[in-house]
Amino acid sequence: MRTATITRRTHETDIHVEVNLDGAGRYQVSTGIGFLDHMIEQLSRHSLIDITCRIKGDLHVDQHHTTEDSAIAIGQCVAQALGDKAGIGRYGEAHSAMDEALARVVLDISGRPWLVWNVRFTQERLGEMDTELFEHWFQSFAQAAGITLHVEQLYGQNNHHIIEGVFKGLARALRQAVELDPRKGGAVPSTKGLLGDGSLST
């Protein structure tokens, strides 16, 4: 099983994260931010990646550190669980519809972190969560996981539908990318022969 665990305590957050890439979409999520819990649960359920994410953060300050550290820890766990990435699909893409909203998520587990974010919100908050933090979550996740990640809102009006579609799109694209392809015979999907060392892998 491809699994990883991270436990870290700082002055800002006390965090414990576990992932199982070969799971069934089971989750235990408690960040102290209800809407963020809901989105990470969607990520787990639709990627079939088991995720445990427990955080006690400095929410008396604001939500920034808790949001950021959840993304970093989940991303780091995904990267660790992937190991040398031998045999994985590497690429993933998904269109995700949520009622009137449609999102597109495309990713490459390239070892070259990058985020392109074309998502717009018309509300400052969803539940108790600041909507400006969603881009930061995706940026932190992409950086920690070593993923090139393109996220686009094609259309939509309801802010909840827009971001939920985005998280479900990430989940489905990630599921494609991390799955093992038996036709690859355990080879690393790069002509360089390795991924994730900071080199310009292709």
N, C-alpha and C. Protein backbone atom coordinates (compact mmCIF):
# COMPACT_ATOMS: atom_id res chain seq x y z
N MET A 1 0.84 -1.19 0.00
CA MET A 1 0.00 0.00 0.00
C MET A 1 0.88 1.25 0.00
N ARG A 2 0.47 2.23 -0.79
CA ARG A 2 1.23 3.48 -0.88
C ARG A 2 0.65 4.46 0.13
N THR A 3 1.33 4.58 1.26
CA THR A 3 0.81 5.38 2.37
C THR A 3 1.89 6.34 2.87
N ALA A 4 1.45 7.36 3.59
CA ALA A 4 2.38 8.30 4.22
C ALA A 4 1.67 8.98 5.38
N THR A 5 2.47 9.41 6.35
CA THR A 5 1.95 10.09 7.54
C THR A 5 2.86 11.27 7.87
N ILE A 6 2.25 12.39 8.23
CA ILE A 6 2.99 13.56 8.67
C ILE A 6 2.36 14.07 9.96
N THR A 7 3.17 14.28 10.96
CA THR A 7 2.74 14.91 12.21
C THR A 7 3.69 16.06 12.49
N ARG A 8 3.14 17.24 12.73
CA ARG A 8 3.99 18.42 12.94
C ARG A 8 3.30 19.40 13.87
N ARG A 9 4.05 19.96 14.79
CA ARG A 9 3.52 20.97 15.70
C ARG A 9 4.37 22.23 15.61
N THR A 10 3.73 23.35 15.36
CA THR A 10 4.40 24.64 15.36
C THR A 10 3.60 25.59 16.27
N HIS A 11 4.03 26.84 16.33
CA HIS A 11 3.29 27.84 17.10
C HIS A 11 1.96 28.18 16.43
N GLU A 12 1.81 27.77 15.16
CA GLU A 12 0.61 28.12 14.40
C GLU A 12 -0.39 26.97 14.29
N THR A 13 0.12 25.75 14.12
CA THR A 13 -0.77 24.60 13.97
C THR A 13 -0.17 23.35 14.59
N ASP A 14 -1.06 22.47 15.01
CA ASP A 14 -0.71 21.12 15.45
C ASP A 14 -1.46 20.20 14.49
N ILE A 15 -0.71 19.48 13.64
CA ILE A 15 -1.35 18.80 12.52
C ILE A 15 -0.92 17.34 12.41
N HIS A 16 -1.89 16.51 12.07
CA HIS A 16 -1.63 15.09 11.79
C HIS A 16 -2.38 14.73 10.52
N VAL A 17 -1.64 14.23 9.52
CA VAL A 17 -2.24 13.86 8.24
C VAL A 17 -1.75 12.48 7.84
N GLU A 18 -2.67 11.65 7.34
CA GLU A 18 -2.34 10.35 6.78
C GLU A 18 -3.04 10.23 5.43
N VAL A 19 -2.36 9.62 4.46
CA VAL A 19 -3.02 9.31 3.19
C VAL A 19 -2.70 7.88 2.78
N ASN A 20 -3.64 7.29 2.08
CA ASN A 20 -3.46 5.98 1.46
C ASN A 20 -3.94 6.11 0.03
N LEU A 21 -2.99 6.13 -0.91
CA LEU A 21 -3.34 6.32 -2.32
C LEU A 21 -4.17 5.17 -2.87
N ASP A 22 -4.08 4.01 -2.24
CA ASP A 22 -4.80 2.83 -2.72
C ASP A 22 -6.00 2.52 -1.83
N GLY A 23 -6.64 3.57 -1.37
CA GLY A 23 -7.75 3.42 -0.45
C GLY A 23 -9.09 3.30 -1.15
N ALA A 24 -10.13 3.69 -0.42
CA ALA A 24 -11.51 3.59 -0.92
C ALA A 24 -12.26 4.90 -0.74
N GLY A 25 -11.53 5.99 -0.50
CA GLY A 25 -12.19 7.28 -0.31
C GLY A 25 -12.74 7.47 1.09
N ARG A 26 -12.11 6.85 2.07
CA ARG A 26 -12.52 7.02 3.47
C ARG A 26 -11.80 8.24 4.05
N TYR A 27 -12.46 8.94 4.93
CA TYR A 27 -11.88 10.18 5.46
C TYR A 27 -12.25 10.40 6.92
N GLN A 28 -11.33 11.07 7.61
CA GLN A 28 -11.56 11.63 8.94
C GLN A 28 -10.93 13.01 8.91
N VAL A 29 -11.76 14.03 8.87
CA VAL A 29 -11.26 15.39 8.66
C VAL A 29 -11.79 16.31 9.75
N SER A 30 -10.88 17.02 10.40
CA SER A 30 -11.27 18.01 11.40
C SER A 30 -10.23 19.12 11.41
N THR A 31 -10.57 20.23 10.77
CA THR A 31 -9.64 21.36 10.69
C THR A 31 -10.08 22.54 11.54
N GLY A 32 -11.30 22.50 12.04
CA GLY A 32 -11.84 23.66 12.74
C GLY A 32 -12.54 24.63 11.82
N ILE A 33 -12.47 24.38 10.51
CA ILE A 33 -13.15 25.21 9.50
C ILE A 33 -14.11 24.30 8.75
N GLY A 34 -15.38 24.43 9.03
CA GLY A 34 -16.37 23.50 8.51
C GLY A 34 -16.35 23.36 7.00
N PHE A 35 -16.27 24.47 6.29
CA PHE A 35 -16.30 24.38 4.82
C PHE A 35 -15.05 23.71 4.28
N LEU A 36 -13.91 23.96 4.89
CA LEU A 36 -12.68 23.30 4.47
C LEU A 36 -12.77 21.79 4.71
N ASP A 37 -13.33 21.40 5.85
CA ASP A 37 -13.56 19.98 6.10
C ASP A 37 -14.36 19.37 4.95
N HIS A 38 -15.44 20.03 4.56
CA HIS A 38 -16.32 19.54 3.50
C HIS A 38 -15.56 19.35 2.19
N MET A 39 -14.66 20.28 1.85
CA MET A 39 -13.92 20.19 0.59
C MET A 39 -12.88 19.07 0.63
N ILE A 40 -12.18 18.90 1.76
CA ILE A 40 -11.20 17.82 1.86
C ILE A 40 -11.89 16.47 1.83
N GLU A 41 -13.08 16.40 2.43
CA GLU A 41 -13.87 15.17 2.36
C GLU A 41 -14.24 14.84 0.91
N GLN A 42 -14.61 15.86 0.13
CA GLN A 42 -14.91 15.65 -1.29
C GLN A 42 -13.66 15.14 -2.02
N LEU A 43 -12.51 15.73 -1.71
CA LEU A 43 -11.25 15.31 -2.33
C LEU A 43 -10.99 13.84 -2.07
N SER A 44 -11.19 13.41 -0.84
CA SER A 44 -10.96 12.01 -0.49
C SER A 44 -11.95 11.09 -1.18
N ARG A 45 -13.22 11.40 -1.05
CA ARG A 45 -14.26 10.49 -1.56
C ARG A 45 -14.13 10.27 -3.06
N HIS A 46 -13.86 11.33 -3.82
CA HIS A 46 -13.89 11.21 -5.27
C HIS A 46 -12.55 10.83 -5.89
N SER A 47 -11.48 10.91 -5.10
CA SER A 47 -10.17 10.43 -5.57
C SER A 47 -9.92 8.99 -5.17
N LEU A 48 -10.74 8.47 -4.23
CA LEU A 48 -10.53 7.16 -3.61
C LEU A 48 -9.24 7.11 -2.80
N ILE A 49 -8.72 8.27 -2.43
CA ILE A 49 -7.56 8.36 -1.54
C ILE A 49 -8.08 8.51 -0.11
N ASP A 50 -7.72 7.59 0.75
CA ASP A 50 -8.09 7.73 2.15
C ASP A 50 -7.29 8.89 2.75
N ILE A 51 -7.99 9.79 3.44
CA ILE A 51 -7.34 10.95 4.04
C ILE A 51 -7.78 11.11 5.49
N THR A 52 -6.82 11.15 6.38
CA THR A 52 -7.04 11.61 7.74
C THR A 52 -6.35 12.95 7.87
N CYS A 53 -7.07 13.96 8.35
CA CYS A 53 -6.51 15.30 8.48
C CYS A 53 -7.08 15.94 9.74
N ARG A 54 -6.23 16.02 10.76
CA ARG A 54 -6.66 16.63 12.02
C ARG A 54 -5.74 17.81 12.33
N ILE A 55 -6.33 18.96 12.53
CA ILE A 55 -5.55 20.18 12.78
C ILE A 55 -6.17 20.95 13.94
N LYS A 56 -5.30 21.43 14.81
CA LYS A 56 -5.68 22.46 15.78
C LYS A 56 -4.83 23.67 15.44
N GLY A 57 -5.48 24.70 14.89
CA GLY A 57 -4.75 25.86 14.42
C GLY A 57 -5.11 27.13 15.17
N ASP A 58 -4.38 28.19 14.87
CA ASP A 58 -4.58 29.48 15.54
C ASP A 58 -5.73 30.25 14.87
N LEU A 59 -6.91 29.65 14.94
CA LEU A 59 -8.08 30.27 14.30
C LEU A 59 -8.49 31.56 15.00
N HIS A 60 -7.99 31.79 16.20
CA HIS A 60 -8.25 33.08 16.86
C HIS A 60 -7.53 34.21 16.13
N VAL A 61 -6.49 33.86 15.34
CA VAL A 61 -5.79 34.86 14.52
C VAL A 61 -6.55 35.03 13.21
N ASP A 62 -6.55 33.99 12.39
CA ASP A 62 -7.38 33.89 11.19
C ASP A 62 -7.27 32.46 10.66
N GLN A 63 -7.78 32.22 9.47
CA GLN A 63 -7.83 30.86 8.92
C GLN A 63 -6.62 30.52 8.05
N HIS A 64 -5.73 31.48 7.86
CA HIS A 64 -4.66 31.32 6.87
C HIS A 64 -3.76 30.13 7.18
N HIS A 65 -3.24 30.07 8.40
CA HIS A 65 -2.26 29.03 8.72
C HIS A 65 -2.88 27.64 8.67
N THR A 66 -4.10 27.51 9.16
CA THR A 66 -4.77 26.20 9.14
C THR A 66 -5.01 25.75 7.70
N THR A 67 -5.50 26.65 6.87
CA THR A 67 -5.75 26.32 5.46
C THR A 67 -4.46 25.93 4.76
N GLU A 68 -3.44 26.75 4.93
CA GLU A 68 -2.15 26.51 4.27
C GLU A 68 -1.53 25.19 4.72
N ASP A 69 -1.51 24.95 6.02
CA ASP A 69 -0.83 23.75 6.53
C ASP A 69 -1.58 22.47 6.18
N SER A 70 -2.90 22.54 6.08
CA SER A 70 -3.63 21.35 5.63
C SER A 70 -3.22 20.98 4.22
N ALA A 71 -3.10 21.96 3.34
CA ALA A 71 -2.71 21.71 1.96
C ALA A 71 -1.28 21.22 1.86
N ILE A 72 -0.38 21.84 2.61
CA ILE A 72 1.02 21.43 2.59
C ILE A 72 1.17 19.99 3.06
N ALA A 73 0.54 19.65 4.17
CA ALA A 73 0.69 18.32 4.74
C ALA A 73 0.07 17.25 3.84
N ILE A 74 -1.10 17.53 3.28
CA ILE A 74 -1.71 16.56 2.37
C ILE A 74 -0.85 16.40 1.12
N GLY A 75 -0.36 17.52 0.59
CA GLY A 75 0.52 17.45 -0.58
C GLY A 75 1.80 16.69 -0.31
N GLN A 76 2.42 16.93 0.85
CA GLN A 76 3.64 16.21 1.20
C GLN A 76 3.38 14.71 1.35
N CYS A 77 2.24 14.37 1.94
CA CYS A 77 1.90 12.96 2.09
C CYS A 77 1.70 12.29 0.73
N VAL A 78 1.02 12.98 -0.18
CA VAL A 78 0.83 12.43 -1.52
C VAL A 78 2.19 12.19 -2.18
N ALA A 79 3.08 13.18 -2.09
CA ALA A 79 4.40 13.04 -2.70
C ALA A 79 5.17 11.87 -2.09
N GLN A 80 5.14 11.74 -0.77
CA GLN A 80 5.86 10.66 -0.11
C GLN A 80 5.27 9.30 -0.48
N ALA A 81 3.94 9.23 -0.50
CA ALA A 81 3.29 7.95 -0.82
C ALA A 81 3.58 7.52 -2.26
N LEU A 82 3.79 8.47 -3.15
CA LEU A 82 4.10 8.15 -4.55
C LEU A 82 5.50 7.57 -4.72
N GLY A 83 6.38 7.85 -3.78
CA GLY A 83 7.74 7.32 -3.86
C GLY A 83 8.45 7.80 -5.12
N ASP A 84 9.01 6.85 -5.89
CA ASP A 84 9.72 7.24 -7.13
C ASP A 84 8.77 7.39 -8.32
N LYS A 85 7.46 7.21 -8.06
CA LYS A 85 6.40 7.41 -9.07
C LYS A 85 6.42 6.36 -10.18
N ALA A 86 7.11 5.28 -9.96
CA ALA A 86 7.17 4.23 -10.98
C ALA A 86 5.79 3.66 -11.26
N GLY A 87 5.44 3.59 -12.53
CA GLY A 87 4.21 2.95 -12.96
C GLY A 87 2.95 3.78 -12.88
N ILE A 88 3.03 5.01 -12.40
CA ILE A 88 1.81 5.81 -12.26
C ILE A 88 1.37 6.37 -13.61
N GLY A 89 0.10 6.78 -13.67
CA GLY A 89 -0.42 7.42 -14.88
C GLY A 89 0.22 8.76 -15.15
N ARG A 90 0.60 9.47 -14.08
CA ARG A 90 1.25 10.77 -14.08
C ARG A 90 0.31 11.91 -14.44
N TYR A 91 -0.46 11.80 -15.50
CA TYR A 91 -1.35 12.87 -15.95
C TYR A 91 -2.79 12.58 -15.55
N GLY A 92 -3.55 13.65 -15.29
CA GLY A 92 -4.96 13.49 -15.00
C GLY A 92 -5.73 14.72 -15.44
N GLU A 93 -6.96 14.53 -15.86
CA GLU A 93 -7.80 15.65 -16.24
C GLU A 93 -9.25 15.30 -15.99
N ALA A 94 -10.03 16.32 -15.64
CA ALA A 94 -11.45 16.07 -15.35
C ALA A 94 -12.24 17.34 -15.59
N HIS A 95 -13.42 17.17 -16.19
CA HIS A 95 -14.45 18.19 -16.17
C HIS A 95 -15.42 17.81 -15.06
N SER A 96 -15.76 18.77 -14.24
CA SER A 96 -16.61 18.48 -13.08
C SER A 96 -17.79 19.44 -13.06
N ALA A 97 -18.98 18.87 -13.19
CA ALA A 97 -20.20 19.68 -13.18
C ALA A 97 -20.83 19.66 -11.79
N MET A 98 -21.27 20.83 -11.35
CA MET A 98 -22.02 20.94 -10.10
C MET A 98 -23.19 21.88 -10.39
N ASP A 99 -24.33 21.30 -10.71
CA ASP A 99 -25.50 22.08 -11.13
C ASP A 99 -25.14 23.01 -12.28
N GLU A 100 -25.23 24.32 -12.10
CA GLU A 100 -25.00 25.26 -13.21
C GLU A 100 -23.52 25.54 -13.45
N ALA A 101 -22.64 25.04 -12.57
CA ALA A 101 -21.21 25.36 -12.63
C ALA A 101 -20.43 24.21 -13.26
N LEU A 102 -19.41 24.58 -14.04
CA LEU A 102 -18.54 23.59 -14.68
C LEU A 102 -17.09 24.00 -14.48
N ALA A 103 -16.29 23.06 -13.97
CA ALA A 103 -14.87 23.30 -13.74
C ALA A 103 -14.04 22.32 -14.55
N ARG A 104 -12.83 22.73 -14.88
CA ARG A 104 -11.88 21.85 -15.56
C ARG A 104 -10.58 21.86 -14.76
N VAL A 105 -10.08 20.67 -14.46
CA VAL A 105 -8.83 20.52 -13.72
C VAL A 105 -7.92 19.58 -14.50
N VAL A 106 -6.71 20.03 -14.77
CA VAL A 106 -5.71 19.24 -15.50
C VAL A 106 -4.43 19.26 -14.68
N LEU A 107 -3.79 18.11 -14.52
CA LEU A 107 -2.57 18.08 -13.71
C LEU A 107 -1.56 17.10 -14.26
N ASP A 108 -0.32 17.35 -13.86
CA ASP A 108 0.83 16.52 -14.22
C ASP A 108 1.67 16.36 -12.97
N ILE A 109 1.87 15.12 -12.54
CA ILE A 109 2.76 14.87 -11.39
C ILE A 109 4.18 14.90 -11.93
N SER A 110 4.66 16.10 -12.11
CA SER A 110 5.86 16.37 -12.89
C SER A 110 7.11 16.58 -12.05
N GLY A 111 6.94 16.89 -10.76
CA GLY A 111 8.07 17.35 -9.97
C GLY A 111 8.34 18.82 -10.17
N ARG A 112 7.53 19.49 -11.00
CA ARG A 112 7.69 20.93 -11.26
C ARG A 112 6.42 21.63 -10.77
N PRO A 113 6.40 22.08 -9.51
CA PRO A 113 5.18 22.68 -8.96
C PRO A 113 4.79 23.96 -9.69
N TRP A 114 3.52 24.04 -10.03
CA TRP A 114 3.01 25.25 -10.70
C TRP A 114 1.49 25.25 -10.56
N LEU A 115 0.93 26.42 -10.36
CA LEU A 115 -0.52 26.55 -10.33
C LEU A 115 -0.96 27.63 -11.29
N VAL A 116 -1.89 27.29 -12.17
CA VAL A 116 -2.64 28.26 -12.96
C VAL A 116 -4.07 28.23 -12.42
N TRP A 117 -4.56 29.37 -11.96
CA TRP A 117 -5.83 29.45 -11.25
C TRP A 117 -6.72 30.48 -11.94
N ASN A 118 -7.74 30.00 -12.60
CA ASN A 118 -8.71 30.88 -13.24
C ASN A 118 -10.10 30.61 -12.66
N VAL A 119 -10.27 31.02 -11.43
CA VAL A 119 -11.52 30.83 -10.70
C VAL A 119 -11.90 32.16 -10.06
N ARG A 120 -13.16 32.51 -10.16
CA ARG A 120 -13.62 33.81 -9.66
C ARG A 120 -14.78 33.60 -8.69
N PHE A 121 -14.74 34.35 -7.60
CA PHE A 121 -15.81 34.30 -6.61
C PHE A 121 -16.48 35.67 -6.49
N THR A 122 -17.75 35.65 -6.17
CA THR A 122 -18.49 36.90 -5.97
C THR A 122 -18.86 37.09 -4.51
N GLN A 123 -18.43 36.16 -3.63
CA GLN A 123 -18.63 36.28 -2.20
C GLN A 123 -17.28 36.26 -1.51
N GLU A 124 -17.19 36.98 -0.40
CA GLU A 124 -15.95 36.98 0.37
C GLU A 124 -15.83 35.75 1.26
N ARG A 125 -16.95 35.13 1.60
CA ARG A 125 -16.92 33.98 2.49
C ARG A 125 -17.92 32.93 2.04
N LEU A 126 -17.58 31.68 2.29
CA LEU A 126 -18.51 30.56 2.15
C LEU A 126 -18.55 29.88 3.51
N GLY A 127 -19.72 29.86 4.13
CA GLY A 127 -19.75 29.46 5.53
C GLY A 127 -18.89 30.44 6.30
N GLU A 128 -17.94 29.91 7.05
CA GLU A 128 -17.03 30.79 7.78
C GLU A 128 -15.67 30.92 7.09
N MET A 129 -15.55 30.37 5.87
CA MET A 129 -14.24 30.35 5.20
C MET A 129 -14.09 31.49 4.20
N ASP A 130 -12.92 32.15 4.26
CA ASP A 130 -12.61 33.22 3.32
C ASP A 130 -12.34 32.62 1.95
N THR A 131 -13.06 33.09 0.93
CA THR A 131 -12.90 32.50 -0.40
C THR A 131 -11.53 32.77 -1.01
N GLU A 132 -10.85 33.84 -0.58
CA GLU A 132 -9.51 34.10 -1.13
C GLU A 132 -8.52 33.01 -0.74
N LEU A 133 -8.84 32.22 0.27
CA LEU A 133 -7.92 31.18 0.73
C LEU A 133 -7.94 29.93 -0.15
N PHE A 134 -8.95 29.79 -1.00
CA PHE A 134 -9.00 28.60 -1.84
C PHE A 134 -7.82 28.56 -2.82
N GLU A 135 -7.52 29.68 -3.45
CA GLU A 135 -6.36 29.70 -4.34
C GLU A 135 -5.09 29.36 -3.57
N HIS A 136 -4.98 29.86 -2.36
CA HIS A 136 -3.78 29.58 -1.56
C HIS A 136 -3.70 28.11 -1.21
N TRP A 137 -4.86 27.47 -0.94
CA TRP A 137 -4.85 26.03 -0.66
C TRP A 137 -4.31 25.27 -1.86
N PHE A 138 -4.80 25.59 -3.05
CA PHE A 138 -4.35 24.87 -4.25
C PHE A 138 -2.88 25.15 -4.55
N GLN A 139 -2.44 26.39 -4.33
CA GLN A 139 -1.03 26.71 -4.54
C GLN A 139 -0.14 25.91 -3.58
N SER A 140 -0.53 25.86 -2.33
CA SER A 140 0.26 25.14 -1.32
C SER A 140 0.27 23.64 -1.60
N PHE A 141 -0.87 23.10 -2.01
CA PHE A 141 -0.95 21.68 -2.34
C PHE A 141 -0.06 21.34 -3.53
N ALA A 142 -0.16 22.13 -4.60
CA ALA A 142 0.64 21.88 -5.79
C ALA A 142 2.14 21.94 -5.47
N GLN A 143 2.53 22.93 -4.67
CA GLN A 143 3.93 23.10 -4.32
C GLN A 143 4.44 21.90 -3.52
N ALA A 144 3.66 21.49 -2.52
CA ALA A 144 4.10 20.41 -1.64
C ALA A 144 4.09 19.05 -2.35
N ALA A 145 3.13 18.85 -3.23
CA ALA A 145 3.01 17.56 -3.92
C ALA A 145 3.90 17.47 -5.16
N GLY A 146 4.44 18.60 -5.63
CA GLY A 146 5.26 18.59 -6.84
C GLY A 146 4.42 18.40 -8.09
N ILE A 147 3.29 19.09 -8.14
CA ILE A 147 2.34 18.90 -9.23
C ILE A 147 2.19 20.19 -10.03
N THR A 148 2.17 20.06 -11.35
CA THR A 148 1.74 21.14 -12.23
C THR A 148 0.22 21.05 -12.31
N LEU A 149 -0.46 22.13 -11.92
CA LEU A 149 -1.90 22.07 -11.71
C LEU A 149 -2.58 23.26 -12.37
N HIS A 150 -3.50 22.98 -13.29
CA HIS A 150 -4.28 24.01 -13.96
C HIS A 150 -5.74 23.86 -13.56
N VAL A 151 -6.31 24.93 -13.02
CA VAL A 151 -7.68 24.91 -12.52
C VAL A 151 -8.45 26.05 -13.18
N GLU A 152 -9.57 25.71 -13.78
CA GLU A 152 -10.33 26.71 -14.54
C GLU A 152 -11.82 26.58 -14.26
N GLN A 153 -12.44 27.68 -13.94
CA GLN A 153 -13.89 27.77 -13.85
C GLN A 153 -14.40 28.13 -15.25
N LEU A 154 -15.08 27.19 -15.88
CA LEU A 154 -15.58 27.47 -17.23
C LEU A 154 -16.80 28.37 -17.18
N TYR A 155 -17.69 28.10 -16.22
CA TYR A 155 -18.81 28.99 -15.97
C TYR A 155 -19.49 28.57 -14.67
N GLY A 156 -20.40 29.40 -14.21
CA GLY A 156 -21.11 29.12 -12.97
C GLY A 156 -21.40 30.41 -12.21
N GLN A 157 -22.46 30.39 -11.43
CA GLN A 157 -22.85 31.56 -10.64
C GLN A 157 -22.77 31.31 -9.14
N ASN A 158 -23.15 30.12 -8.70
CA ASN A 158 -23.21 29.82 -7.27
C ASN A 158 -21.80 29.50 -6.76
N ASN A 159 -21.31 30.28 -5.81
CA ASN A 159 -19.94 30.14 -5.34
C ASN A 159 -19.66 28.78 -4.70
N HIS A 160 -20.64 28.25 -3.99
CA HIS A 160 -20.49 26.92 -3.40
C HIS A 160 -20.34 25.87 -4.50
N HIS A 161 -21.17 25.96 -5.51
CA HIS A 161 -21.09 25.00 -6.61
C HIS A 161 -19.75 25.10 -7.34
N ILE A 162 -19.28 26.33 -7.52
CA ILE A 162 -18.02 26.54 -8.24
C ILE A 162 -16.86 25.84 -7.53
N ILE A 163 -16.69 26.11 -6.23
CA ILE A 163 -15.51 25.56 -5.55
C ILE A 163 -15.67 24.07 -5.28
N GLU A 164 -16.88 23.61 -5.05
CA GLU A 164 -17.05 22.17 -4.86
C GLU A 164 -16.75 21.42 -6.16
N GLY A 165 -17.15 21.99 -7.29
CA GLY A 165 -16.80 21.40 -8.57
C GLY A 165 -15.30 21.35 -8.78
N VAL A 166 -14.61 22.39 -8.34
CA VAL A 166 -13.16 22.44 -8.48
C VAL A 166 -12.50 21.33 -7.64
N PHE A 167 -12.91 21.18 -6.39
CA PHE A 167 -12.32 20.13 -5.55
C PHE A 167 -12.63 18.74 -6.09
N LYS A 168 -13.85 18.54 -6.57
CA LYS A 168 -14.19 17.23 -7.15
C LYS A 168 -13.40 16.98 -8.43
N GLY A 169 -13.16 18.04 -9.21
CA GLY A 169 -12.33 17.91 -10.41
C GLY A 169 -10.90 17.53 -10.05
N LEU A 170 -10.35 18.18 -9.01
CA LEU A 170 -9.01 17.81 -8.54
C LEU A 170 -8.99 16.34 -8.12
N ALA A 171 -10.00 15.92 -7.41
CA ALA A 171 -10.05 14.54 -6.93
C ALA A 171 -10.02 13.56 -8.09
N ARG A 172 -10.84 13.78 -9.08
CA ARG A 172 -10.93 12.85 -10.20
C ARG A 172 -9.67 12.87 -11.06
N ALA A 173 -9.08 14.05 -11.25
CA ALA A 173 -7.83 14.13 -12.00
C ALA A 173 -6.69 13.46 -11.24
N LEU A 174 -6.67 13.65 -9.93
CA LEU A 174 -5.63 13.04 -9.11
C LEU A 174 -5.76 11.52 -9.11
N ARG A 175 -6.99 11.05 -9.08
CA ARG A 175 -7.21 9.60 -9.13
C ARG A 175 -6.59 9.00 -10.39
N GLN A 176 -6.80 9.64 -11.54
CA GLN A 176 -6.19 9.16 -12.78
C GLN A 176 -4.68 9.15 -12.69
N ALA A 177 -4.13 10.23 -12.16
CA ALA A 177 -2.68 10.43 -12.20
C ALA A 177 -1.92 9.50 -11.27
N VAL A 178 -2.49 9.17 -10.10
CA VAL A 178 -1.75 8.35 -9.14
C VAL A 178 -1.96 6.86 -9.35
N GLU A 179 -2.96 6.48 -10.15
CA GLU A 179 -3.22 5.05 -10.34
C GLU A 179 -2.08 4.38 -11.10
N LEU A 180 -1.82 3.15 -10.74
CA LEU A 180 -0.76 2.38 -11.39
C LEU A 180 -1.29 1.80 -12.70
N ASP A 181 -0.50 1.93 -13.75
CA ASP A 181 -0.86 1.43 -15.07
C ASP A 181 -0.03 0.18 -15.34
N PRO A 182 -0.67 -1.00 -15.38
CA PRO A 182 0.11 -2.23 -15.57
C PRO A 182 0.87 -2.28 -16.88
N ARG A 183 0.43 -1.52 -17.87
CA ARG A 183 1.13 -1.53 -19.17
C ARG A 183 2.49 -0.86 -19.08
N LYS A 184 2.71 -0.06 -18.04
CA LYS A 184 3.99 0.64 -17.92
C LYS A 184 5.07 -0.24 -17.30
N GLY A 185 4.69 -1.40 -16.81
CA GLY A 185 5.67 -2.35 -16.30
C GLY A 185 6.54 -1.80 -15.19
N GLY A 186 6.00 -0.88 -14.40
CA GLY A 186 6.76 -0.34 -13.30
C GLY A 186 7.77 0.72 -13.69
N ALA A 187 7.73 1.18 -14.92
CA ALA A 187 8.67 2.21 -15.36
C ALA A 187 8.24 3.58 -14.88
N VAL A 188 9.20 4.44 -14.60
CA VAL A 188 8.90 5.83 -14.26
C VAL A 188 8.44 6.54 -15.53
N PRO A 189 7.30 7.25 -15.50
CA PRO A 189 6.75 7.85 -16.72
C PRO A 189 7.46 9.14 -17.11
N SER A 190 8.71 9.03 -17.46
CA SER A 190 9.51 10.17 -17.91
C SER A 190 10.66 9.65 -18.76
N THR A 191 10.99 10.35 -19.84
CA THR A 191 12.13 9.94 -20.66
C THR A 191 13.45 10.12 -19.93
N LYS A 192 13.43 10.94 -18.85
CA LYS A 192 14.64 11.10 -18.04
C LYS A 192 14.86 9.91 -17.11
N GLY A 193 13.79 9.16 -16.87
CA GLY A 193 13.91 8.01 -15.99
C GLY A 193 13.64 8.31 -14.54
N LEU A 194 13.33 9.57 -14.20
CA LEU A 194 12.99 9.90 -12.83
C LEU A 194 12.11 11.15 -12.83
N LEU A 195 11.37 11.28 -11.75
CA LEU A 195 10.48 12.43 -11.56
C LEU A 195 10.64 12.94 -10.13
N GLY A 196 10.49 14.25 -9.98
CA GLY A 196 10.36 14.80 -8.63
C GLY A 196 11.63 15.17 -7.94
N ASP A 197 12.75 15.29 -8.68
CA ASP A 197 14.00 15.68 -8.03
C ASP A 197 14.31 17.16 -8.24
N GLY A 198 13.35 17.91 -8.79
CA GLY A 198 13.57 19.31 -9.06
C GLY A 198 14.13 19.58 -10.43
N SER A 199 14.43 18.49 -11.18
CA SER A 199 14.95 18.67 -12.53
C SER A 199 13.80 18.94 -13.49
N LEU A 200 14.10 19.34 -14.68
CA LEU A 200 13.08 19.58 -15.69
C LEU A 200 12.69 18.25 -16.33
N SER A 201 11.97 17.45 -15.57
CA SER A 201 11.57 16.13 -16.05
C SER A 201 10.59 16.26 -17.18
N THR A 202 10.70 15.37 -18.15
CA THR A 202 9.73 15.29 -19.23
C THR A 202 9.26 13.86 -19.41
